[in-house]
Amino acid sequence: MFSFGAAFPDGITITDCKVTWGARAIFKGYSDYIDLLPDRQQMECPEDVDDPQARKALSAWINGKGLPALRKWSKNIAQGSCEEFLFEDDRFAIRATPNASYGYMYIRAWLRKEEELCSA
């Protein structure tokens, strides 16, 4: 299956998550303009175990905290940059990079399983 978005950081896989979301967005560089296209994003649950509450929680976090933090960071990033953004908040996280694409921002957000909190 084709998957949109940035890769997970080292040490994290989809099986560590209740739900994950990925997107390839349009990015203008040195601005907070990040255009999420409906056909270039998807939400996935590990092993096809759908959890509507987890999807709703992740969507709310992405829109309320994750994307605002990403948009603030992106004001200082060029389209050709390979810099990476990582923002973590409790069990939620978002990672993004333009990956030197000159026009796209690759984004991945996820909600970790509860047991991941206790393993540190």
Protein backbone atom coordinates (compact mmCIF):
# COMPACT_ATOMS: atom_id res chain seq x y z
CA MET A 1 0.00 0.00 0.00
CA PHE A 2 1.25 3.50 -0.85
CA SER A 3 1.67 5.72 2.19
CA PHE A 4 1.77 9.50 2.25
CA GLY A 5 3.88 11.57 4.62
CA ALA A 6 7.21 11.67 6.35
CA ALA A 7 8.84 8.57 7.73
CA PHE A 8 8.61 7.72 11.41
CA PRO A 9 11.64 8.65 13.52
CA ASP A 10 14.07 5.84 14.23
CA GLY A 11 12.69 3.46 16.81
CA ILE A 12 9.00 4.06 16.02
CA THR A 13 6.85 2.01 13.64
CA ILE A 14 3.17 1.92 12.86
CA THR A 15 2.77 -0.99 15.30
CA ASP A 16 3.76 1.38 18.13
CA CYS A 17 0.77 3.59 17.29
CA LYS A 18 -2.97 3.45 17.81
CA VAL A 19 -3.39 5.52 14.66
CA THR A 20 -1.17 7.49 12.29
CA TRP A 21 -1.80 10.14 9.64
CA GLY A 22 0.40 11.05 6.70
CA ALA A 23 0.20 13.79 4.08
CA ARG A 24 2.07 15.29 1.17
CA ALA A 25 1.11 18.97 1.29
CA ILE A 26 1.85 21.94 -0.93
CA PHE A 27 4.47 24.17 0.75
CA LYS A 28 5.59 27.62 -0.41
CA GLY A 29 8.64 28.08 1.84
CA TYR A 30 9.31 30.85 4.35
CA SER A 31 5.60 31.05 5.08
CA ASP A 32 2.91 29.29 7.06
CA TYR A 33 1.21 28.21 3.82
CA ILE A 34 0.74 24.44 3.99
CA ASP A 35 -2.10 23.26 1.76
CA LEU A 36 -3.42 19.81 2.65
CA LEU A 37 -4.93 18.13 -0.40
CA PRO A 38 -7.71 15.60 0.31
CA ASP A 39 -6.29 13.00 -2.09
CA ARG A 40 -2.75 13.25 -0.69
CA GLN A 41 -3.38 12.28 2.91
CA GLN A 42 -4.49 9.18 4.72
CA MET A 43 -5.06 7.81 8.19
CA GLU A 44 -3.96 4.29 9.06
CA CYS A 45 -4.39 1.96 12.01
CA PRO A 46 -1.93 -0.87 12.62
CA GLU A 47 -2.98 -4.29 11.38
CA ASP A 48 -6.28 -2.81 10.15
CA VAL A 49 -7.67 -2.49 13.70
CA ASP A 50 -9.86 0.58 13.25
CA ASP A 51 -10.32 2.79 16.34
CA PRO A 52 -12.75 5.65 15.59
CA GLN A 53 -12.07 7.34 18.95
CA ALA A 54 -8.31 7.31 18.33
CA ARG A 55 -8.85 8.73 14.82
CA LYS A 56 -11.00 11.52 16.24
CA ALA A 57 -8.47 12.30 18.99
CA LEU A 58 -5.57 12.42 16.53
CA SER A 59 -7.50 14.62 14.09
CA ALA A 60 -8.37 17.07 16.88
CA TRP A 61 -4.74 17.19 18.06
CA ILE A 62 -3.39 17.67 14.53
CA ASN A 63 -5.73 20.60 13.88
CA GLY A 64 -5.46 22.13 17.36
CA LYS A 65 -1.77 21.71 18.18
CA GLY A 66 0.27 19.83 15.57
CA LEU A 67 -0.39 21.89 12.44
CA PRO A 68 -0.23 25.27 14.24
CA ALA A 69 3.22 24.32 15.60
CA LEU A 70 4.32 23.13 12.15
CA ARG A 71 3.09 26.31 10.47
CA LYS A 72 5.02 28.44 12.97
CA TRP A 73 8.21 26.45 12.28
CA SER A 74 7.74 26.53 8.49
CA LYS A 75 7.99 30.34 8.39
CA ASN A 76 11.78 29.93 8.67
CA ILE A 77 12.20 27.02 6.23
CA ALA A 78 13.00 27.11 2.49
CA GLN A 79 11.31 24.83 -0.03
CA GLY A 80 14.65 23.19 -0.78
CA SER A 81 15.50 22.50 2.85
CA CYS A 82 16.07 19.02 4.27
CA GLU A 83 15.48 20.19 7.84
CA GLU A 84 13.08 18.16 9.94
CA PHE A 85 10.41 19.25 12.38
CA LEU A 86 9.41 17.08 15.34
CA PHE A 87 6.86 18.12 17.95
CA GLU A 88 5.72 15.77 20.71
CA ASP A 89 2.93 16.34 23.18
CA ASP A 90 2.04 13.53 25.59
CA ARG A 91 1.22 10.51 23.36
CA PHE A 92 0.85 12.65 20.21
CA ALA A 93 3.61 13.61 17.79
CA ILE A 94 4.05 15.23 14.39
CA ARG A 95 7.09 15.11 12.12
CA ALA A 96 7.60 16.98 8.84
CA THR A 97 10.20 17.90 6.24
CA PRO A 98 10.23 19.53 2.79
CA ASN A 99 12.87 16.91 1.91
CA ALA A 100 14.43 19.28 -0.64
CA SER A 101 11.32 18.87 -2.82
CA TYR A 102 10.89 22.54 -3.75
CA GLY A 103 7.15 22.59 -3.23
CA TYR A 104 6.00 19.80 -0.92
CA MET A 105 5.92 19.23 2.83
CA TYR A 106 5.88 15.59 3.92
CA ILE A 107 4.03 15.23 7.22
CA ARG A 108 3.44 12.32 9.62
CA ALA A 109 1.46 12.51 12.88
CA TRP A 110 0.66 9.70 15.27
CA LEU A 111 -0.93 8.70 18.56
CA ARG A 112 1.22 6.22 20.46
CA LYS A 113 -0.28 3.26 22.27
CA GLU A 114 -0.60 3.80 26.01
CA GLU A 115 1.99 1.17 26.93
CA GLU A 116 4.64 3.21 25.08
CA LEU A 117 4.43 5.83 27.85
CA CYS A 118 5.52 3.35 30.52
CA SER A 119 8.49 1.92 28.62
CA ALA A 120 10.78 4.94 29.05
